[in-house]
Amino acid sequence: MMAGIFAALTAAFLLNVAGWGRLAVFCLLACLALSVGLFLWEIYSPEYGFRMPWLQVERERTVLPIWRG
């Protein structure tokens, strides 16, 4: 899916350089739609879901000894 997004973005850039502005905007919108689709697919994935294991920020609870001096 990322390859399709990159291809659409590259096509938009090349079409803009070539002077085909309307087609470049269409490719840019296709890139945006593919990006939103990939994001939603990642979020609603049954494997990861809303969990996103690479963003876990839970801390381990540590018990510190009491200083008695």
Protein backbone atom coordinates (compact mmCIF):
# COMPACT_ATOMS: atom_id res chain seq x y z
CA MET A 1 0.00 0.00 0.00
CA MET A 2 2.85 2.38 0.79
CA ALA A 3 4.26 1.73 -2.66
CA GLY A 4 0.96 2.86 -4.20
CA ILE A 5 0.98 6.02 -2.09
CA PHE A 6 4.55 6.78 -3.08
CA ALA A 7 3.79 6.08 -6.74
CA ALA A 8 0.80 8.44 -6.71
CA LEU A 9 2.84 11.16 -5.03
CA THR A 10 5.70 10.72 -7.49
CA ALA A 11 3.27 10.82 -10.42
CA ALA A 12 1.74 14.02 -9.05
CA PHE A 13 5.18 15.62 -8.80
CA LEU A 14 6.24 14.55 -12.29
CA LEU A 15 2.95 15.60 -13.85
CA ASN A 16 3.22 19.01 -12.20
CA VAL A 17 6.76 19.44 -13.54
CA ALA A 18 5.54 18.43 -17.00
CA GLY A 19 2.83 21.09 -16.85
CA TRP A 20 -0.22 18.85 -16.45
CA GLY A 21 -1.59 20.56 -13.37
CA ARG A 22 -5.10 19.12 -13.28
CA LEU A 23 -3.88 15.55 -13.60
CA ALA A 24 -1.24 16.27 -10.94
CA VAL A 25 -3.94 17.48 -8.54
CA PHE A 26 -5.93 14.32 -9.25
CA CYS A 27 -2.89 12.18 -8.42
CA LEU A 28 -2.31 14.22 -5.27
CA LEU A 29 -5.91 13.62 -4.18
CA ALA A 30 -5.48 9.92 -4.96
CA CYS A 31 -2.38 9.94 -2.76
CA LEU A 32 -4.37 11.55 0.05
CA ALA A 33 -7.20 9.01 -0.31
CA LEU A 34 -4.75 6.11 -0.27
CA SER A 35 -3.05 7.54 2.80
CA VAL A 36 -6.33 7.88 4.68
CA GLY A 37 -7.26 4.34 3.62
CA LEU A 38 -3.95 2.98 4.89
CA PHE A 39 -4.33 4.84 8.18
CA LEU A 40 -7.83 3.49 8.74
CA TRP A 41 -6.73 -0.02 7.77
CA GLU A 42 -3.91 0.15 10.33
CA ILE A 43 -6.18 1.48 13.07
CA TYR A 44 -8.96 -1.07 12.53
CA SER A 45 -6.56 -3.97 11.99
CA PRO A 46 -7.55 -7.05 14.02
CA GLU A 47 -3.88 -7.71 14.78
CA TYR A 48 -2.98 -4.29 16.18
CA GLY A 49 -6.25 -2.39 16.36
CA PHE A 50 -6.26 0.70 18.52
CA ARG A 51 -3.55 -0.86 20.68
CA MET A 52 -0.55 0.34 18.61
CA PRO A 53 2.13 -1.65 20.44
CA TRP A 54 4.92 0.61 19.23
CA LEU A 55 3.39 3.48 21.24
CA GLN A 56 2.94 1.71 24.58
CA VAL A 57 3.93 4.06 27.37
CA GLU A 58 3.04 1.98 30.40
CA ARG A 59 5.59 2.24 33.16
CA GLU A 60 6.70 -0.57 35.37
CA ARG A 61 5.83 -0.03 38.98
CA THR A 62 8.94 -0.01 41.17
CA VAL A 63 9.00 -0.17 44.92
CA LEU A 64 11.74 1.89 46.51
CA PRO A 65 13.15 0.89 49.89
CA ILE A 66 12.37 3.23 52.75
CA TRP A 67 15.45 5.04 54.00
CA ARG A 68 15.83 4.81 57.73
CA GLY A 69 18.98 6.45 58.83
